[in-house]
Amino acid sequence: MANVNKVLLIGRLTRDPELRYTPGGTAVCDLGIAIGHKWKAADGSWKEDTCFVDVTVWQKQAENCAEYLKKGREVFVEGRLALDQWQAPDGQKRSKLKIVALSVQFLGGRPGGAPGGAAAGGGAGASAPEPPVEEPPPPEEGAGQEPPF
C-alpha cells in the first residue's frame, strides 16, 4: 500500500517568523499559524474553533519568510507532517506534530494595504518571483534538529 504524507493549510501567522541557522549555515525559520473553522450548531448559533500549528521552513524560503512575513499575515503552506520529540528538563519525554514546509505562499496584499500585493511570492510586490521550492538537506549531525525529510 502507498503512503501519503501531504498537508495543505491556509492560515494567519500567530507571531513574527523566527529565523536561525544550523551550525552548517542552513537557514531554518519557525512559523506559527492559526487556522479557523466555523460551523453552525444544532441550535442555529455559529461556533468557531481555531487550530494552532507550528511550521518549519528551510533554506532560501526560510530567509524569504523571515524577511517578508509578519504576525497576522495570511499564508498557504504545503508540506508534510513530522513528529518532533525531545526530553524536557524534568526528564519527561515530549512530542508534538508539526509541519515541515515544502512551499510557503504569501497571501493577501502587501502589508499596509499597498496595491500590487504578492499573491504567491516573495512579498515584495507583484514583480518579485516566487521563491523556488527546494527540498531541504538534512541538518548537520549534532545540530539537535530533526532531518527535514
C-alpha atoms as a PDB file:
ATOM      1  CA  MET A   1       0.000   0.000   0.000  1.00  0.00           C
ATOM      2  CA  ALA A   2       1.273   3.503  -0.825  1.00  0.00           C
ATOM      3  CA  ASN A   3       1.986   6.038   1.887  1.00  0.00           C
ATOM      4  CA  VAL A   4       0.920   9.675   1.617  1.00  0.00           C
ATOM      5  CA  ASN A   5       2.058  12.461   3.912  1.00  0.00           C
ATOM      6  CA  LYS A   6       0.857  15.759   2.471  1.00  0.00           C
ATOM      7  CA  VAL A   7      -0.624  18.753   4.263  1.00  0.00           C
ATOM      8  CA  LEU A   8      -2.228  21.866   2.747  1.00  0.00           C
ATOM      9  CA  LEU A   9      -3.115  24.724   5.102  1.00  0.00           C
ATOM     10  CA  ILE A  10      -4.209  28.343   4.825  1.00  0.00           C
ATOM     11  CA  GLY A  11      -3.980  30.382   7.985  1.00  0.00           C
ATOM     12  CA  ARG A  12      -2.630  33.511   9.645  1.00  0.00           C
ATOM     13  CA  LEU A  13       0.700  33.871  11.406  1.00  0.00           C
ATOM     14  CA  THR A  14       0.339  33.945  15.190  1.00  0.00           C
ATOM     15  CA  ARG A  15       3.782  35.513  15.690  1.00  0.00           C
ATOM     16  CA  ASP A  16       6.629  37.000  13.692  1.00  0.00           C
ATOM     17  CA  PRO A  17       8.836  34.397  11.978  1.00  0.00           C
ATOM     18  CA  GLU A  18      11.887  33.208  13.941  1.00  0.00           C
ATOM     19  CA  LEU A  19      14.965  32.716  11.742  1.00  0.00           C
ATOM     20  CA  ARG A  20      18.074  30.821  12.820  1.00  0.00           C
ATOM     21  CA  TYR A  21      20.907  28.958  11.145  1.00  0.00           C
ATOM     22  CA  THR A  22      22.244  25.453  11.702  1.00  0.00           C
ATOM     23  CA  PRO A  23      25.966  25.109  12.522  1.00  0.00           C
ATOM     24  CA  GLY A  24      26.438  24.243   8.827  1.00  0.00           C
ATOM     25  CA  GLY A  25      24.874  27.560   7.763  1.00  0.00           C
ATOM     26  CA  THR A  26      21.444  26.313   6.607  1.00  0.00           C
ATOM     27  CA  ALA A  27      18.583  28.762   7.255  1.00  0.00           C
ATOM     28  CA  VAL A  28      15.651  27.482   9.341  1.00  0.00           C
ATOM     29  CA  CYS A  29      12.548  29.542  10.061  1.00  0.00           C
ATOM     30  CA  ASP A  30       9.833  28.662  12.563  1.00  0.00           C
ATOM     31  CA  LEU A  31       6.287  29.903  11.959  1.00  0.00           C
ATOM     32  CA  GLY A  32       3.135  29.567  13.994  1.00  0.00           C
ATOM     33  CA  ILE A  33      -0.154  29.669  12.137  1.00  0.00           C
ATOM     34  CA  ALA A  34      -3.782  29.656  13.214  1.00  0.00           C
ATOM     35  CA  ILE A  35      -6.460  28.023  11.093  1.00  0.00           C
ATOM     36  CA  GLY A  36     -10.044  28.917  11.891  1.00  0.00           C
ATOM     37  CA  HIS A  37     -13.070  26.680  11.397  1.00  0.00           C
ATOM     38  CA  LYS A  38     -16.699  27.901  11.655  1.00  0.00           C
ATOM     39  CA  TRP A  39     -19.814  25.796  11.714  1.00  0.00           C
ATOM     40  CA  LYS A  40     -23.488  26.150  12.521  1.00  0.00           C
ATOM     41  CA  ALA A  41     -24.572  24.307  15.663  1.00  0.00           C
ATOM     42  CA  ALA A  42     -27.844  22.410  16.009  1.00  0.00           C
ATOM     43  CA  ASP A  43     -29.379  25.380  17.863  1.00  0.00           C
ATOM     44  CA  GLY A  44     -28.622  27.673  14.902  1.00  0.00           C
ATOM     45  CA  SER A  45     -25.766  29.539  16.565  1.00  0.00           C
ATOM     46  CA  TRP A  46     -22.377  29.847  14.903  1.00  0.00           C
ATOM     47  CA  LYS A  47     -19.444  28.151  16.577  1.00  0.00           C
ATOM     48  CA  GLU A  48     -15.769  28.717  15.902  1.00  0.00           C
ATOM     49  CA  ASP A  49     -12.704  26.609  16.577  1.00  0.00           C
ATOM     50  CA  THR A  50      -9.073  27.501  15.958  1.00  0.00           C
ATOM     51  CA  CYS A  51      -6.238  25.071  15.329  1.00  0.00           C
ATOM     52  CA  PHE A  52      -2.693  26.280  16.051  1.00  0.00           C
ATOM     53  CA  VAL A  53       0.094  24.667  14.029  1.00  0.00           C
ATOM     54  CA  ASP A  54       3.891  25.001  14.116  1.00  0.00           C
ATOM     55  CA  VAL A  55       5.634  25.112  10.735  1.00  0.00           C
ATOM     56  CA  THR A  56       9.350  24.738   9.928  1.00  0.00           C
ATOM     57  CA  VAL A  57      10.692  26.224   6.694  1.00  0.00           C
ATOM     58  CA  TRP A  58      14.194  25.543   5.332  1.00  0.00           C
ATOM     59  CA  GLN A  59      16.845  27.243   3.154  1.00  0.00           C
ATOM     60  CA  LYS A  60      16.098  30.286   0.955  1.00  0.00           C
ATOM     61  CA  GLN A  61      12.373  30.016   1.635  1.00  0.00           C
ATOM     62  CA  ALA A  62      13.141  30.356   5.341  1.00  0.00           C
ATOM     63  CA  GLU A  63      15.026  33.600   4.706  1.00  0.00           C
ATOM     64  CA  ASN A  64      12.191  34.905   2.498  1.00  0.00           C
ATOM     65  CA  CYS A  65       9.618  34.136   5.194  1.00  0.00           C
ATOM     66  CA  ALA A  66      11.677  35.909   7.848  1.00  0.00           C
ATOM     67  CA  GLU A  67      12.164  38.947   5.613  1.00  0.00           C
ATOM     68  CA  TYR A  68       8.637  39.434   4.279  1.00  0.00           C
ATOM     69  CA  LEU A  69       6.205  37.887   6.766  1.00  0.00           C
ATOM     70  CA  LYS A  70       4.867  39.410   9.966  1.00  0.00           C
ATOM     71  CA  LYS A  71       2.320  38.393  12.582  1.00  0.00           C
ATOM     72  CA  GLY A  72      -1.205  38.373  11.138  1.00  0.00           C
ATOM     73  CA  ARG A  73      -0.162  37.753   7.521  1.00  0.00           C
ATOM     74  CA  GLU A  74      -2.084  35.034   5.684  1.00  0.00           C
ATOM     75  CA  VAL A  75      -0.086  32.161   4.160  1.00  0.00           C
ATOM     76  CA  PHE A  76      -0.701  28.986   2.188  1.00  0.00           C
ATOM     77  CA  VAL A  77       1.570  26.164   3.367  1.00  0.00           C
ATOM     78  CA  GLU A  78       2.175  22.921   1.543  1.00  0.00           C
ATOM     79  CA  GLY A  79       4.247  20.354   3.377  1.00  0.00           C
ATOM     80  CA  ARG A  80       4.314  17.162   5.368  1.00  0.00           C
ATOM     81  CA  LEU A  81       3.601  16.116   8.940  1.00  0.00           C
ATOM     82  CA  ALA A  82       6.582  15.386  11.168  1.00  0.00           C
ATOM     83  CA  LEU A  83       6.779  14.231  14.773  1.00  0.00           C
ATOM     84  CA  ASP A  84       9.052  16.397  16.900  1.00  0.00           C
ATOM     85  CA  GLN A  85      10.356  14.557  20.003  1.00  0.00           C
ATOM     86  CA  TRP A  86      12.540  15.803  22.857  1.00  0.00           C
ATOM     87  CA  GLN A  87      13.236  15.308  26.528  1.00  0.00           C
ATOM     88  CA  ALA A  88      12.032  18.067  28.854  1.00  0.00           C
ATOM     89  CA  PRO A  89      14.292  19.452  31.586  1.00  0.00           C
ATOM     90  CA  ASP A  90      12.264  17.441  34.124  1.00  0.00           C
ATOM     91  CA  GLY A  91      13.239  14.226  32.286  1.00  0.00           C
ATOM     92  CA  GLN A  92       9.855  13.521  30.691  1.00  0.00           C
ATOM     93  CA  LYS A  93       9.668  12.628  27.015  1.00  0.00           C
ATOM     94  CA  ARG A  94       7.640  15.131  24.977  1.00  0.00           C
ATOM     95  CA  SER A  95       6.394  15.151  21.408  1.00  0.00           C
ATOM     96  CA  LYS A  96       4.225  17.199  19.072  1.00  0.00           C
ATOM     97  CA  LEU A  97       3.195  17.131  15.449  1.00  0.00           C
ATOM     98  CA  LYS A  98       4.450  19.943  13.236  1.00  0.00           C
ATOM     99  CA  ILE A  99       4.543  20.740   9.529  1.00  0.00           C
ATOM    100  CA  VAL A 100       7.775  20.737   7.524  1.00  0.00           C
ATOM    101  CA  ALA A 101       7.014  23.155   4.689  1.00  0.00           C
ATOM    102  CA  LEU A 102       7.880  22.326   1.109  1.00  0.00           C
ATOM    103  CA  SER A 103       6.242  25.526  -0.155  1.00  0.00           C
ATOM    104  CA  VAL A 104       5.014  28.726   1.532  1.00  0.00           C
ATOM    105  CA  GLN A 105       2.963  31.192  -0.489  1.00  0.00           C
ATOM    106  CA  PHE A 106       2.286  34.669   0.867  1.00  0.00           C
ATOM    107  CA  LEU A 107      -1.411  35.557   0.517  1.00  0.00           C
ATOM    108  CA  GLY A 108      -3.216  38.858   0.652  1.00  0.00           C
ATOM    109  CA  GLY A 109      -1.716  42.160  -0.357  1.00  0.00           C
ATOM    110  CA  ARG A 110       1.427  43.820   0.796  1.00  0.00           C
ATOM    111  CA  PRO A 111       1.450  44.917   4.448  1.00  0.00           C
ATOM    112  CA  GLY A 112      -0.042  48.369   4.869  1.00  0.00           C
ATOM    113  CA  GLY A 113      -2.663  47.788   2.180  1.00  0.00           C
ATOM    114  CA  ALA A 114      -0.479  48.933  -0.724  1.00  0.00           C
ATOM    115  CA  PRO A 115      -1.758  47.822  -4.125  1.00  0.00           C
ATOM    116  CA  GLY A 116       0.026  45.182  -6.156  1.00  0.00           C
ATOM    117  CA  GLY A 117       0.448  42.630  -3.378  1.00  0.00           C
ATOM    118  CA  ALA A 118       2.250  39.405  -3.997  1.00  0.00           C
ATOM    119  CA  ALA A 119      -0.347  36.710  -4.229  1.00  0.00           C
ATOM    120  CA  ALA A 120       2.185  33.931  -4.273  1.00  0.00           C
ATOM    121  CA  GLY A 121       5.671  35.208  -3.907  1.00  0.00           C
ATOM    122  CA  GLY A 122       8.353  36.981  -2.012  1.00  0.00           C
ATOM    123  CA  GLY A 123       6.007  39.600  -0.613  1.00  0.00           C
ATOM    124  CA  ALA A 124       7.947  42.466  -2.189  1.00  0.00           C
ATOM    125  CA  GLY A 125       5.429  43.202  -4.933  1.00  0.00           C
ATOM    126  CA  ALA A 126       3.952  41.582  -7.981  1.00  0.00           C
ATOM    127  CA  SER A 127       7.260  41.634  -9.823  1.00  0.00           C
ATOM    128  CA  ALA A 128       9.041  39.518  -7.208  1.00  0.00           C
ATOM    129  CA  PRO A 129       9.237  35.888  -8.328  1.00  0.00           C
ATOM    130  CA  GLU A 130       8.021  33.112  -6.090  1.00  0.00           C
ATOM    131  CA  PRO A 131      10.874  31.528  -4.153  1.00  0.00           C
ATOM    132  CA  PRO A 132      11.777  28.182  -5.714  1.00  0.00           C
ATOM    133  CA  VAL A 133      10.639  25.065  -3.931  1.00  0.00           C
ATOM    134  CA  GLU A 134      13.758  23.326  -2.690  1.00  0.00           C
ATOM    135  CA  GLU A 135      13.947  20.026  -0.877  1.00  0.00           C
ATOM    136  CA  PRO A 136      15.808  20.855   2.336  1.00  0.00           C
ATOM    137  CA  PRO A 137      19.014  18.999   3.120  1.00  0.00           C
ATOM    138  CA  PRO A 138      19.385  17.156   6.403  1.00  0.00           C
ATOM    139  CA  PRO A 139      20.753  19.383   9.184  1.00  0.00           C
ATOM    140  CA  GLU A 140      24.336  18.985  10.298  1.00  0.00           C
ATOM    141  CA  GLU A 141      24.859  15.999  12.573  1.00  0.00           C
ATOM    142  CA  GLY A 142      24.676  17.006  16.218  1.00  0.00           C
ATOM    143  CA  ALA A 143      22.727  20.190  15.438  1.00  0.00           C
ATOM    144  CA  GLY A 144      19.799  18.983  17.555  1.00  0.00           C
ATOM    145  CA  GLN A 145      17.405  19.208  14.619  1.00  0.00           C
ATOM    146  CA  GLU A 146      15.181  16.565  13.102  1.00  0.00           C
ATOM    147  CA  PRO A 147      16.037  15.840   9.454  1.00  0.00           C
ATOM    148  CA  PRO A 148      13.504  17.754   7.332  1.00  0.00           C
ATOM    149  CA  PHE A 149      12.556  14.750   5.175  1.00  0.00           C
END
